[in-house]
Amino acid sequence: MTLHYHGTPITPRFELNKLAGKSFCVSFARPDDLNFCLKNGQSVMLDNGAFSFFTKKKKADWYKFYNYLEPILGHPHWAIIPDVIGGGEEENDQLLKEWFFPPELSANVWHLDEPSERLIRLSDMGMKVCFGSSGDYWQIGSEKWCRRVDLAFNALSKIGQLPWIHMLRGMAVSHLYPFASVDSTNVARNFKNNFTCPEYMARRIDAVQGGTKWQSRAIQGDLL
């Protein structure tokens, strides 16, 4: 079963109220709806805000993120370990070393432009693994992106049971791969434009499910 984490903030509040019982993604960069989501959400994915910081060319203060998490992080909620898009393995591995929350409440990030060796290493840490679209694989759903994700699942399938894979910004492709969970701001950004009830829109999205198993795919030039 693929879990769908709906991105926030969602305004006005009476529209957000309709989504009580759903799972939410709350970004450290925009925690406007945090209290509502913790109180009324089935599960909350506490995003580190790296994507927002990257697109706005802002520097993150990760110690503030750690302090923000300490009073709120606990089952069934989980948090994404700080990562730097385009920062390279060494910088991101250092952030992994600084992380001190329990692995069962944590998700590391593998960027698609990083080597498969790092993906395998991250998948062996007892955490969820997030796929982050970056570099040449920024465009989710493109032919190049799909080939890269095919290769990643091929590599993971060789080591046994798939770990929990979360696709960042991945609701549009949730049906294509055995993602355990995905997130997107689709509802927050589009329900007003479509004159659609956000709860109805979220319900339709939640009904889209990916598979639970991976059948290795033959790809020419299968190199990671």
N, C-alpha and C. Protein backbone atom coordinates (compact mmCIF):
# COMPACT_ATOMS: atom_id res chain seq x y z
N MET A 1 0.84 -1.20 0.00
CA MET A 1 0.00 0.00 0.00
C MET A 1 0.88 1.25 0.00
N THR A 2 0.58 2.17 -0.88
CA THR A 2 1.33 3.42 -0.96
C THR A 2 0.63 4.49 -0.12
N LEU A 3 1.37 5.07 0.83
CA LEU A 3 0.83 6.15 1.65
C LEU A 3 1.12 7.48 0.97
N HIS A 4 0.13 8.36 0.98
CA HIS A 4 0.25 9.66 0.35
C HIS A 4 0.28 10.76 1.41
N TYR A 5 1.38 11.51 1.43
CA TYR A 5 1.54 12.60 2.37
C TYR A 5 1.26 13.92 1.66
N HIS A 6 0.20 14.58 2.09
CA HIS A 6 -0.24 15.80 1.43
C HIS A 6 0.48 17.02 2.01
N GLY A 7 1.12 17.76 1.11
CA GLY A 7 1.92 18.90 1.52
C GLY A 7 1.09 20.06 2.03
N THR A 8 1.64 20.78 2.98
CA THR A 8 1.02 21.96 3.57
C THR A 8 1.97 23.15 3.39
N PRO A 9 1.50 24.38 3.63
CA PRO A 9 0.20 24.75 4.21
C PRO A 9 -0.94 24.68 3.20
N ILE A 10 -2.15 24.49 3.75
CA ILE A 10 -3.38 24.49 2.96
C ILE A 10 -4.30 25.55 3.56
N THR A 11 -4.67 26.49 2.74
CA THR A 11 -5.53 27.58 3.21
C THR A 11 -6.76 27.70 2.32
N PRO A 12 -7.85 28.24 2.89
CA PRO A 12 -8.06 28.67 4.27
C PRO A 12 -8.21 27.48 5.23
N ARG A 13 -8.22 27.75 6.52
CA ARG A 13 -8.22 26.68 7.52
C ARG A 13 -9.44 25.78 7.41
N PHE A 14 -10.59 26.31 7.06
CA PHE A 14 -11.77 25.45 6.99
C PHE A 14 -11.62 24.39 5.90
N GLU A 15 -10.80 24.67 4.88
CA GLU A 15 -10.53 23.65 3.85
C GLU A 15 -9.58 22.60 4.40
N LEU A 16 -8.58 23.03 5.16
CA LEU A 16 -7.66 22.07 5.79
C LEU A 16 -8.41 21.16 6.76
N ASN A 17 -9.40 21.71 7.46
CA ASN A 17 -10.18 20.91 8.41
C ASN A 17 -10.81 19.69 7.74
N LYS A 18 -11.13 19.81 6.46
CA LYS A 18 -11.77 18.72 5.74
C LYS A 18 -10.82 17.53 5.54
N LEU A 19 -9.52 17.77 5.70
CA LEU A 19 -8.53 16.73 5.47
C LEU A 19 -8.10 16.01 6.75
N ALA A 20 -8.78 16.28 7.84
CA ALA A 20 -8.46 15.59 9.10
C ALA A 20 -8.50 14.08 8.87
N GLY A 21 -7.48 13.38 9.39
CA GLY A 21 -7.39 11.94 9.20
C GLY A 21 -6.49 11.53 8.07
N LYS A 22 -6.09 12.50 7.21
CA LYS A 22 -5.14 12.22 6.15
C LYS A 22 -3.71 12.26 6.70
N SER A 23 -2.76 11.85 5.89
CA SER A 23 -1.35 11.99 6.25
C SER A 23 -0.82 13.26 5.62
N PHE A 24 0.06 13.94 6.34
CA PHE A 24 0.53 15.26 5.90
C PHE A 24 2.05 15.31 5.83
N CYS A 25 2.51 16.17 4.95
CA CYS A 25 3.92 16.55 4.88
C CYS A 25 4.01 18.01 5.33
N VAL A 26 4.78 18.25 6.39
CA VAL A 26 4.97 19.60 6.89
C VAL A 26 6.45 19.95 6.75
N SER A 27 6.72 20.99 6.00
CA SER A 27 8.10 21.41 5.77
C SER A 27 8.60 22.32 6.88
N PHE A 28 9.83 22.12 7.28
CA PHE A 28 10.48 22.99 8.26
C PHE A 28 10.51 24.43 7.74
N ALA A 29 10.51 24.59 6.42
CA ALA A 29 10.52 25.93 5.82
C ALA A 29 9.16 26.62 5.90
N ARG A 30 8.07 25.83 6.06
CA ARG A 30 6.71 26.38 6.15
C ARG A 30 5.88 25.55 7.14
N PRO A 31 6.14 25.71 8.44
CA PRO A 31 5.44 24.88 9.42
C PRO A 31 4.10 25.47 9.88
N ASP A 32 3.46 26.25 9.04
CA ASP A 32 2.23 26.97 9.40
C ASP A 32 1.17 26.05 10.01
N ASP A 33 0.99 24.86 9.43
CA ASP A 33 -0.09 23.96 9.83
C ASP A 33 0.38 22.82 10.74
N LEU A 34 1.56 22.96 11.32
CA LEU A 34 2.16 21.87 12.08
C LEU A 34 1.24 21.37 13.19
N ASN A 35 0.75 22.26 14.03
CA ASN A 35 -0.04 21.82 15.18
C ASN A 35 -1.31 21.10 14.76
N PHE A 36 -1.98 21.62 13.73
CA PHE A 36 -3.19 20.95 13.24
C PHE A 36 -2.85 19.55 12.75
N CYS A 37 -1.78 19.44 11.98
CA CYS A 37 -1.42 18.15 11.38
C CYS A 37 -1.04 17.12 12.44
N LEU A 38 -0.30 17.54 13.46
CA LEU A 38 0.08 16.62 14.53
C LEU A 38 -1.15 16.15 15.30
N LYS A 39 -2.12 17.04 15.47
CA LYS A 39 -3.31 16.70 16.24
C LYS A 39 -4.31 15.89 15.43
N ASN A 40 -4.41 16.17 14.13
CA ASN A 40 -5.49 15.59 13.32
C ASN A 40 -5.01 14.66 12.21
N GLY A 41 -3.71 14.57 11.98
CA GLY A 41 -3.22 13.74 10.89
C GLY A 41 -3.00 12.30 11.30
N GLN A 42 -3.17 11.40 10.36
CA GLN A 42 -2.89 9.99 10.61
C GLN A 42 -1.40 9.79 10.86
N SER A 43 -0.58 10.44 10.04
CA SER A 43 0.87 10.41 10.18
C SER A 43 1.40 11.71 9.58
N VAL A 44 2.48 12.22 10.16
CA VAL A 44 3.07 13.45 9.66
C VAL A 44 4.52 13.20 9.29
N MET A 45 4.85 13.52 8.07
CA MET A 45 6.22 13.47 7.58
C MET A 45 6.80 14.87 7.79
N LEU A 46 7.80 14.95 8.65
CA LEU A 46 8.42 16.23 9.00
C LEU A 46 9.60 16.47 8.07
N ASP A 47 9.33 17.21 7.01
CA ASP A 47 10.32 17.45 5.97
C ASP A 47 11.35 18.47 6.43
N ASN A 48 12.59 18.27 6.04
CA ASN A 48 13.66 19.17 6.49
C ASN A 48 13.69 20.52 5.76
N GLY A 49 12.90 20.66 4.70
CA GLY A 49 12.84 21.94 3.99
C GLY A 49 13.97 22.16 3.00
N ALA A 50 14.80 21.12 2.76
CA ALA A 50 15.97 21.29 1.89
C ALA A 50 15.60 21.76 0.49
N PHE A 51 14.48 21.25 -0.05
CA PHE A 51 14.07 21.64 -1.40
C PHE A 51 13.75 23.13 -1.44
N SER A 52 13.03 23.61 -0.43
CA SER A 52 12.69 25.04 -0.38
C SER A 52 13.93 25.90 -0.22
N PHE A 53 14.83 25.47 0.65
CA PHE A 53 16.06 26.24 0.86
C PHE A 53 16.89 26.28 -0.43
N PHE A 54 16.90 25.16 -1.16
CA PHE A 54 17.67 25.08 -2.40
C PHE A 54 17.09 25.99 -3.47
N THR A 55 15.78 25.92 -3.67
CA THR A 55 15.15 26.72 -4.72
C THR A 55 15.18 28.21 -4.41
N LYS A 56 15.18 28.56 -3.12
CA LYS A 56 15.21 29.97 -2.73
C LYS A 56 16.62 30.46 -2.42
N LYS A 57 17.60 29.55 -2.61
CA LYS A 57 19.01 29.88 -2.39
C LYS A 57 19.26 30.42 -0.98
N LYS A 58 18.64 29.72 -0.02
CA LYS A 58 18.83 30.08 1.39
C LYS A 58 19.65 28.99 2.09
N LYS A 59 20.37 29.38 3.12
CA LYS A 59 21.16 28.44 3.88
C LYS A 59 20.35 27.96 5.07
N ALA A 60 20.31 26.66 5.27
CA ALA A 60 19.53 26.09 6.37
C ALA A 60 20.32 26.11 7.67
N ASP A 61 19.62 26.31 8.77
CA ASP A 61 20.21 26.18 10.10
C ASP A 61 19.72 24.86 10.67
N TRP A 62 20.52 23.81 10.53
CA TRP A 62 20.05 22.48 10.91
C TRP A 62 19.92 22.31 12.42
N TYR A 63 20.67 23.08 13.20
CA TYR A 63 20.52 22.97 14.65
C TYR A 63 19.15 23.48 15.10
N LYS A 64 18.63 24.47 14.40
CA LYS A 64 17.26 24.91 14.66
C LYS A 64 16.27 23.81 14.29
N PHE A 65 16.56 23.07 13.23
CA PHE A 65 15.70 21.95 12.82
C PHE A 65 15.69 20.87 13.90
N TYR A 66 16.86 20.54 14.45
CA TYR A 66 16.93 19.54 15.51
C TYR A 66 16.11 19.98 16.73
N ASN A 67 16.24 21.24 17.10
CA ASN A 67 15.49 21.75 18.26
C ASN A 67 13.99 21.75 17.99
N TYR A 68 13.63 22.03 16.76
CA TYR A 68 12.22 22.02 16.33
C TYR A 68 11.64 20.61 16.45
N LEU A 69 12.44 19.59 16.13
CA LEU A 69 11.96 18.21 16.13
C LEU A 69 11.85 17.60 17.53
N GLU A 70 12.74 17.97 18.41
CA GLU A 70 12.85 17.25 19.69
C GLU A 70 11.52 17.10 20.44
N PRO A 71 10.68 18.13 20.56
CA PRO A 71 9.44 17.95 21.34
C PRO A 71 8.30 17.28 20.57
N ILE A 72 8.45 17.06 19.27
CA ILE A 72 7.31 16.59 18.48
C ILE A 72 7.54 15.26 17.77
N LEU A 73 8.79 14.83 17.62
CA LEU A 73 9.05 13.64 16.83
C LEU A 73 8.79 12.37 17.62
N GLY A 74 7.86 11.58 17.13
CA GLY A 74 7.51 10.30 17.76
C GLY A 74 6.51 9.58 16.88
N HIS A 75 6.43 8.27 17.04
CA HIS A 75 5.51 7.45 16.24
C HIS A 75 4.08 7.99 16.36
N PRO A 76 3.33 8.08 15.26
CA PRO A 76 3.58 7.57 13.90
C PRO A 76 4.24 8.59 12.95
N HIS A 77 4.80 9.62 13.51
CA HIS A 77 5.42 10.66 12.69
C HIS A 77 6.90 10.33 12.47
N TRP A 78 7.47 10.89 11.42
CA TRP A 78 8.88 10.64 11.12
C TRP A 78 9.47 11.86 10.42
N ALA A 79 10.78 11.93 10.44
CA ALA A 79 11.45 13.13 9.93
C ALA A 79 12.53 12.77 8.92
N ILE A 80 12.77 13.70 8.02
CA ILE A 80 13.81 13.53 7.01
C ILE A 80 15.11 14.16 7.50
N ILE A 81 16.15 13.38 7.47
CA ILE A 81 17.46 13.84 7.90
C ILE A 81 17.92 14.97 6.96
N PRO A 82 18.53 16.01 7.51
CA PRO A 82 19.02 17.10 6.66
C PRO A 82 19.88 16.62 5.50
N ASP A 83 19.67 17.22 4.35
CA ASP A 83 20.48 16.91 3.18
C ASP A 83 20.70 18.19 2.40
N VAL A 84 21.73 18.18 1.59
CA VAL A 84 22.05 19.34 0.76
C VAL A 84 21.96 18.91 -0.70
N ILE A 85 21.01 19.44 -1.42
CA ILE A 85 20.85 19.11 -2.84
C ILE A 85 22.05 19.64 -3.60
N GLY A 86 22.73 18.75 -4.30
CA GLY A 86 23.93 19.14 -5.02
C GLY A 86 25.14 19.30 -4.13
N GLY A 87 25.03 18.84 -2.87
CA GLY A 87 26.12 19.02 -1.92
C GLY A 87 27.20 17.96 -1.97
N GLY A 88 26.92 16.83 -2.60
CA GLY A 88 27.90 15.77 -2.68
C GLY A 88 27.81 14.80 -1.51
N GLU A 89 28.40 13.63 -1.71
CA GLU A 89 28.32 12.56 -0.71
C GLU A 89 28.93 12.96 0.63
N GLU A 90 30.10 13.56 0.59
CA GLU A 90 30.82 13.87 1.82
C GLU A 90 30.01 14.80 2.73
N GLU A 91 29.44 15.85 2.14
CA GLU A 91 28.65 16.80 2.92
C GLU A 91 27.40 16.15 3.49
N ASN A 92 26.73 15.33 2.68
CA ASN A 92 25.51 14.68 3.15
C ASN A 92 25.80 13.57 4.16
N ASP A 93 26.92 12.88 4.00
CA ASP A 93 27.29 11.87 4.98
C ASP A 93 27.60 12.51 6.33
N GLN A 94 28.17 13.70 6.32
CA GLN A 94 28.46 14.40 7.57
C GLN A 94 27.16 14.74 8.30
N LEU A 95 26.14 15.13 7.56
CA LEU A 95 24.84 15.41 8.17
C LEU A 95 24.23 14.14 8.76
N LEU A 96 24.45 13.01 8.12
CA LEU A 96 23.99 11.74 8.67
C LEU A 96 24.64 11.45 10.02
N LYS A 97 25.92 11.75 10.13
CA LYS A 97 26.65 11.50 11.37
C LYS A 97 26.14 12.38 12.51
N GLU A 98 25.65 13.56 12.18
CA GLU A 98 25.16 14.48 13.21
C GLU A 98 23.78 14.11 13.73
N TRP A 99 23.06 13.29 12.98
CA TRP A 99 21.68 12.96 13.31
C TRP A 99 21.64 12.07 14.55
N PHE A 100 20.76 12.36 15.51
CA PHE A 100 20.75 11.60 16.76
C PHE A 100 19.38 11.04 17.12
N PHE A 101 18.40 11.18 16.21
CA PHE A 101 17.08 10.64 16.50
C PHE A 101 17.03 9.15 16.13
N PRO A 102 16.09 8.39 16.72
CA PRO A 102 16.02 6.94 16.46
C PRO A 102 15.82 6.64 14.97
N PRO A 103 16.47 5.58 14.48
CA PRO A 103 16.35 5.25 13.06
C PRO A 103 14.93 4.95 12.61
N GLU A 104 14.11 4.40 13.50
CA GLU A 104 12.74 4.07 13.12
C GLU A 104 11.87 5.31 12.92
N LEU A 105 12.36 6.46 13.36
CA LEU A 105 11.64 7.72 13.16
C LEU A 105 12.32 8.59 12.11
N SER A 106 13.22 7.99 11.35
CA SER A 106 14.10 8.76 10.47
C SER A 106 14.07 8.27 9.04
N ALA A 107 14.37 9.19 8.14
CA ALA A 107 14.51 8.85 6.71
C ALA A 107 15.72 9.59 6.17
N ASN A 108 16.62 8.84 5.55
CA ASN A 108 17.74 9.48 4.88
C ASN A 108 17.38 9.77 3.43
N VAL A 109 18.22 10.50 2.75
CA VAL A 109 17.92 10.91 1.37
C VAL A 109 19.04 10.45 0.44
N TRP A 110 18.63 9.73 -0.59
CA TRP A 110 19.53 9.38 -1.68
C TRP A 110 19.14 10.22 -2.88
N HIS A 111 20.08 11.03 -3.37
CA HIS A 111 19.84 11.85 -4.55
C HIS A 111 20.14 11.02 -5.79
N LEU A 112 19.29 11.15 -6.79
CA LEU A 112 19.40 10.29 -7.96
C LEU A 112 20.70 10.47 -8.73
N ASP A 113 21.40 11.58 -8.50
CA ASP A 113 22.68 11.75 -9.20
C ASP A 113 23.85 11.22 -8.37
N GLU A 114 23.56 10.51 -7.30
CA GLU A 114 24.60 9.88 -6.50
C GLU A 114 24.75 8.41 -6.92
N PRO A 115 25.89 7.79 -6.63
CA PRO A 115 26.12 6.41 -7.06
C PRO A 115 25.28 5.40 -6.28
N SER A 116 25.09 4.24 -6.87
CA SER A 116 24.27 3.20 -6.25
C SER A 116 24.89 2.68 -4.96
N GLU A 117 26.21 2.76 -4.85
CA GLU A 117 26.86 2.29 -3.63
C GLU A 117 26.33 3.04 -2.41
N ARG A 118 26.10 4.33 -2.58
CA ARG A 118 25.56 5.10 -1.45
C ARG A 118 24.12 4.70 -1.16
N LEU A 119 23.33 4.44 -2.19
CA LEU A 119 21.96 3.98 -2.00
C LEU A 119 21.93 2.68 -1.21
N ILE A 120 22.78 1.73 -1.57
CA ILE A 120 22.81 0.45 -0.86
C ILE A 120 23.21 0.67 0.60
N ARG A 121 24.18 1.53 0.82
CA ARG A 121 24.64 1.82 2.18
C ARG A 121 23.52 2.46 3.00
N LEU A 122 22.81 3.41 2.42
CA LEU A 122 21.71 4.07 3.13
C LEU A 122 20.57 3.10 3.44
N SER A 123 20.33 2.16 2.52
CA SER A 123 19.22 1.22 2.72
C SER A 123 19.52 0.21 3.82
N ASP A 124 20.76 0.14 4.26
CA ASP A 124 21.18 -0.82 5.28
C ASP A 124 21.25 -0.18 6.67
N MET A 125 20.67 1.01 6.83
CA MET A 125 20.77 1.74 8.09
C MET A 125 19.53 1.61 8.98
N GLY A 126 18.54 0.83 8.52
CA GLY A 126 17.34 0.64 9.32
C GLY A 126 16.40 1.82 9.32
N MET A 127 16.52 2.66 8.30
CA MET A 127 15.68 3.85 8.16
C MET A 127 14.87 3.77 6.87
N LYS A 128 13.90 4.65 6.75
CA LYS A 128 13.28 4.87 5.46
C LYS A 128 14.32 5.53 4.55
N VAL A 129 14.16 5.32 3.24
CA VAL A 129 15.06 5.93 2.26
C VAL A 129 14.21 6.79 1.32
N CYS A 130 14.54 8.07 1.24
CA CYS A 130 13.85 8.98 0.32
C CYS A 130 14.66 9.10 -0.96
N PHE A 131 13.97 9.05 -2.09
CA PHE A 131 14.59 9.35 -3.38
C PHE A 131 14.39 10.84 -3.66
N GLY A 132 15.50 11.53 -3.89
CA GLY A 132 15.43 12.95 -4.22
C GLY A 132 15.86 13.19 -5.65
N SER A 133 15.04 13.87 -6.42
CA SER A 133 15.34 14.14 -7.83
C SER A 133 16.28 15.33 -7.92
N SER A 134 17.44 15.12 -8.54
CA SER A 134 18.46 16.16 -8.56
C SER A 134 19.33 16.01 -9.80
N GLY A 135 20.11 17.05 -10.06
CA GLY A 135 21.04 17.01 -11.18
C GLY A 135 20.34 16.75 -12.50
N ASP A 136 20.85 15.81 -13.27
CA ASP A 136 20.24 15.45 -14.56
C ASP A 136 18.89 14.78 -14.40
N TYR A 137 18.52 14.45 -13.17
CA TYR A 137 17.28 13.71 -12.92
C TYR A 137 16.27 14.57 -12.15
N TRP A 138 16.35 15.86 -12.36
CA TRP A 138 15.48 16.81 -11.66
C TRP A 138 14.02 16.66 -12.08
N GLN A 139 13.80 16.38 -13.37
CA GLN A 139 12.44 16.33 -13.92
C GLN A 139 11.80 14.98 -13.64
N ILE A 140 10.93 14.94 -12.66
CA ILE A 140 10.28 13.68 -12.28
C ILE A 140 9.38 13.18 -13.41
N GLY A 141 9.56 11.90 -13.73
CA GLY A 141 8.74 11.27 -14.76
C GLY A 141 9.33 11.34 -16.15
N SER A 142 10.44 12.06 -16.33
CA SER A 142 11.08 12.11 -17.65
C SER A 142 11.69 10.75 -17.98
N GLU A 143 12.02 10.55 -19.25
CA GLU A 143 12.61 9.28 -19.67
C GLU A 143 13.91 9.01 -18.91
N LYS A 144 14.73 10.02 -18.78
CA LYS A 144 16.01 9.86 -18.07
C LYS A 144 15.77 9.56 -16.60
N TRP A 145 14.80 10.24 -16.01
CA TRP A 145 14.46 10.01 -14.61
C TRP A 145 13.97 8.58 -14.41
N CYS A 146 13.06 8.12 -15.27
CA CYS A 146 12.52 6.77 -15.13
C CYS A 146 13.61 5.71 -15.27
N ARG A 147 14.52 5.92 -16.19
CA ARG A 147 15.61 4.97 -16.36
C ARG A 147 16.47 4.91 -15.10
N ARG A 148 16.72 6.06 -14.50
CA ARG A 148 17.53 6.10 -13.29
C ARG A 148 16.84 5.38 -12.14
N VAL A 149 15.54 5.58 -11.99
CA VAL A 149 14.80 4.92 -10.91
C VAL A 149 14.72 3.43 -11.18
N ASP A 150 14.55 3.03 -12.45
CA ASP A 150 14.60 1.61 -12.80
C ASP A 150 15.91 0.99 -12.31
N LEU A 151 17.00 1.66 -12.60
CA LEU A 151 18.32 1.17 -12.21
C LEU A 151 18.46 1.08 -10.69
N ALA A 152 17.90 2.06 -10.00
CA ALA A 152 17.97 2.07 -8.54
C ALA A 152 17.21 0.88 -7.95
N PHE A 153 16.01 0.63 -8.44
CA PHE A 153 15.25 -0.52 -7.94
C PHE A 153 15.90 -1.84 -8.34
N ASN A 154 16.51 -1.89 -9.51
CA ASN A 154 17.26 -3.08 -9.89
C ASN A 154 18.36 -3.36 -8.89
N ALA A 155 19.09 -2.32 -8.50
CA ALA A 155 20.19 -2.48 -7.55
C ALA A 155 19.68 -2.93 -6.19
N LEU A 156 18.59 -2.33 -5.72
CA LEU A 156 18.04 -2.69 -4.42
C LEU A 156 17.50 -4.11 -4.40
N SER A 157 16.89 -4.53 -5.51
CA SER A 157 16.28 -5.86 -5.55
C SER A 157 17.33 -6.97 -5.45
N LYS A 158 18.56 -6.65 -5.79
CA LYS A 158 19.63 -7.65 -5.74
C LYS A 158 20.08 -7.95 -4.32
N ILE A 159 19.74 -7.07 -3.36
CA ILE A 159 20.19 -7.28 -1.99
C ILE A 159 19.08 -7.84 -1.10
N GLY A 160 17.93 -8.13 -1.67
CA GLY A 160 16.85 -8.73 -0.89
C GLY A 160 15.61 -7.87 -0.87
N GLN A 161 14.88 -7.92 0.24
CA GLN A 161 13.62 -7.20 0.36
C GLN A 161 13.85 -5.70 0.26
N LEU A 162 12.96 -5.04 -0.47
CA LEU A 162 13.09 -3.60 -0.63
C LEU A 162 12.89 -2.89 0.71
N PRO A 163 13.69 -1.86 0.99
CA PRO A 163 13.43 -1.04 2.17
C PRO A 163 12.22 -0.15 1.91
N TRP A 164 11.82 0.58 2.92
CA TRP A 164 10.74 1.57 2.75
C TRP A 164 11.31 2.69 1.88
N ILE A 165 10.77 2.83 0.67
CA ILE A 165 11.21 3.89 -0.24
C ILE A 165 10.14 4.97 -0.31
N HIS A 166 10.54 6.18 0.00
CA HIS A 166 9.64 7.33 -0.13
C HIS A 166 10.11 8.19 -1.29
N MET A 167 9.18 8.53 -2.19
CA MET A 167 9.51 9.37 -3.34
C MET A 167 9.15 10.81 -3.04
N LEU A 168 10.16 11.64 -2.88
CA LEU A 168 9.93 13.06 -2.63
C LEU A 168 9.31 13.71 -3.86
N ARG A 169 8.26 14.49 -3.65
CA ARG A 169 7.52 15.16 -4.72
C ARG A 169 6.99 14.14 -5.74
N GLY A 170 6.57 12.97 -5.27
CA GLY A 170 6.35 11.85 -6.17
C GLY A 170 4.94 11.36 -6.40
N MET A 171 3.92 12.12 -6.04
CA MET A 171 2.56 11.61 -6.20
C MET A 171 2.20 11.32 -7.65
N ALA A 172 2.73 12.10 -8.57
CA ALA A 172 2.37 11.92 -9.98
C ALA A 172 2.90 10.61 -10.55
N VAL A 173 3.88 10.00 -9.88
CA VAL A 173 4.46 8.75 -10.39
C VAL A 173 4.26 7.60 -9.41
N SER A 174 3.35 7.78 -8.45
CA SER A 174 3.18 6.76 -7.41
C SER A 174 2.71 5.42 -7.96
N HIS A 175 2.09 5.43 -9.14
CA HIS A 175 1.57 4.20 -9.73
C HIS A 175 2.63 3.43 -10.51
N LEU A 176 3.78 4.04 -10.74
CA LEU A 176 4.79 3.44 -11.61
C LEU A 176 5.78 2.53 -10.89
N TYR A 177 5.92 2.72 -9.59
CA TYR A 177 6.96 2.01 -8.84
C TYR A 177 6.44 1.58 -7.48
N PRO A 178 7.11 0.61 -6.84
CA PRO A 178 6.67 0.15 -5.51
C PRO A 178 7.13 1.07 -4.38
N PHE A 179 6.75 2.33 -4.47
CA PHE A 179 7.06 3.26 -3.40
C PHE A 179 6.17 2.96 -2.20
N ALA A 180 6.74 2.93 -1.02
CA ALA A 180 5.94 2.75 0.19
C ALA A 180 5.16 4.01 0.51
N SER A 181 5.73 5.17 0.14
CA SER A 181 5.05 6.43 0.38
C SER A 181 5.55 7.49 -0.60
N VAL A 182 4.74 8.51 -0.76
CA VAL A 182 5.07 9.63 -1.65
C VAL A 182 4.52 10.90 -1.01
N ASP A 183 4.99 12.04 -1.50
CA ASP A 183 4.41 13.30 -1.04
C ASP A 183 4.30 14.26 -2.22
N SER A 184 3.50 15.30 -2.01
CA SER A 184 3.33 16.33 -3.03
C SER A 184 2.48 17.45 -2.45
N THR A 185 2.63 18.64 -3.01
CA THR A 185 1.76 19.76 -2.65
C THR A 185 0.64 19.91 -3.68
N ASN A 186 0.32 18.85 -4.37
CA ASN A 186 -0.68 18.88 -5.43
C ASN A 186 -2.00 19.48 -4.94
N VAL A 187 -2.52 18.95 -3.85
CA VAL A 187 -3.80 19.44 -3.35
C VAL A 187 -3.70 20.91 -2.94
N ALA A 188 -2.67 21.23 -2.16
CA ALA A 188 -2.51 22.60 -1.66
C ALA A 188 -2.41 23.61 -2.79
N ARG A 189 -1.73 23.24 -3.86
CA ARG A 189 -1.47 24.17 -4.95
C ARG A 189 -2.61 24.26 -5.95
N ASN A 190 -3.39 23.18 -6.08
CA ASN A 190 -4.30 23.11 -7.22
C ASN A 190 -5.79 23.05 -6.90
N PHE A 191 -6.19 22.81 -5.65
CA PHE A 191 -7.63 22.60 -5.43
C PHE A 191 -8.43 23.87 -5.72
N LYS A 192 -7.84 25.04 -5.49
CA LYS A 192 -8.57 26.28 -5.77
C LYS A 192 -8.71 26.50 -7.27
N ASN A 193 -7.64 26.19 -8.02
CA ASN A 193 -7.68 26.37 -9.47
C ASN A 193 -8.71 25.47 -10.13
N ASN A 194 -8.88 24.26 -9.54
CA ASN A 194 -9.81 23.29 -10.12
C ASN A 194 -11.21 23.39 -9.53
N PHE A 195 -11.41 24.34 -8.62
CA PHE A 195 -12.70 24.50 -7.95
C PHE A 195 -13.19 23.16 -7.39
N THR A 196 -12.24 22.45 -6.75
CA THR A 196 -12.50 21.11 -6.24
C THR A 196 -12.37 21.09 -4.73
N CYS A 197 -13.22 20.33 -4.07
CA CYS A 197 -13.08 20.12 -2.64
C CYS A 197 -11.75 19.43 -2.37
N PRO A 198 -10.90 19.96 -1.49
CA PRO A 198 -9.59 19.35 -1.26
C PRO A 198 -9.69 17.91 -0.73
N GLU A 199 -10.71 17.62 0.06
CA GLU A 199 -10.86 16.26 0.57
C GLU A 199 -11.15 15.29 -0.56
N TYR A 200 -12.00 15.69 -1.49
CA TYR A 200 -12.31 14.84 -2.64
C TYR A 200 -11.07 14.63 -3.49
N MET A 201 -10.32 15.70 -3.71
CA MET A 201 -9.10 15.61 -4.50
C MET A 201 -8.08 14.69 -3.82
N ALA A 202 -7.92 14.83 -2.51
CA ALA A 202 -6.98 13.98 -1.78
C ALA A 202 -7.42 12.52 -1.80
N ARG A 203 -8.73 12.30 -1.71
CA ARG A 203 -9.24 10.92 -1.72
C ARG A 203 -8.95 10.24 -3.05
N ARG A 204 -9.10 10.98 -4.14
CA ARG A 204 -8.80 10.42 -5.46
C ARG A 204 -7.31 10.09 -5.58
N ILE A 205 -6.47 10.98 -5.07
CA ILE A 205 -5.02 10.75 -5.13
C ILE A 205 -4.64 9.54 -4.28
N ASP A 206 -5.21 9.44 -3.09
CA ASP A 206 -4.88 8.34 -2.19
C ASP A 206 -5.25 6.98 -2.77
N ALA A 207 -6.22 6.96 -3.66
CA ALA A 207 -6.66 5.69 -4.24
C ALA A 207 -5.66 5.14 -5.26
N VAL A 208 -4.74 5.96 -5.72
CA VAL A 208 -3.74 5.51 -6.70
C VAL A 208 -2.64 4.76 -5.97
N GLN A 209 -2.44 3.52 -6.34
CA GLN A 209 -1.49 2.67 -5.64
C GLN A 209 -0.45 2.08 -6.59
N GLY A 210 0.77 2.00 -6.09
CA GLY A 210 1.82 1.32 -6.83
C GLY A 210 1.88 -0.14 -6.42
N GLY A 211 2.77 -0.89 -7.03
CA GLY A 211 2.92 -2.29 -6.66
C GLY A 211 3.67 -2.44 -5.35
N THR A 212 3.76 -3.66 -4.89
CA THR A 212 4.50 -3.94 -3.66
C THR A 212 5.80 -4.69 -3.93
N LYS A 213 5.97 -5.15 -5.17
CA LYS A 213 7.17 -5.90 -5.52
C LYS A 213 7.80 -5.29 -6.76
N TRP A 214 9.06 -5.64 -6.97
CA TRP A 214 9.79 -5.12 -8.14
C TRP A 214 10.31 -6.27 -8.98
N GLN A 215 9.98 -6.24 -10.24
CA GLN A 215 10.51 -7.19 -11.21
C GLN A 215 11.65 -6.51 -11.94
N SER A 216 12.87 -7.03 -11.78
CA SER A 216 14.04 -6.39 -12.36
C SER A 216 13.85 -6.15 -13.85
N ARG A 217 14.23 -4.95 -14.30
CA ARG A 217 14.06 -4.57 -15.69
C ARG A 217 15.39 -4.54 -16.42
N ALA A 218 15.41 -5.12 -17.60
CA ALA A 218 16.62 -5.12 -18.41
C ALA A 218 16.75 -3.76 -19.09
N ILE A 219 17.88 -3.10 -18.85
CA ILE A 219 18.11 -1.78 -19.39
C ILE A 219 19.48 -1.75 -20.05
N GLN A 220 19.52 -1.30 -21.28
CA GLN A 220 20.79 -1.23 -21.99
C GLN A 220 21.73 -0.26 -21.27
N GLY A 221 22.96 -0.71 -21.08
CA GLY A 221 23.93 0.12 -20.37
C GLY A 221 23.59 0.21 -18.92
N ASP A 222 23.27 -0.92 -18.29
CA ASP A 222 22.82 -0.95 -16.91
C ASP A 222 23.97 -0.65 -15.96
N LEU A 223 24.30 0.61 -15.85
CA LEU A 223 25.40 1.05 -15.01
C LEU A 223 24.91 2.11 -14.05
N LEU A 224 25.35 2.04 -12.81
CA LEU A 224 25.01 3.05 -11.81
C LEU A 224 26.29 3.66 -11.28
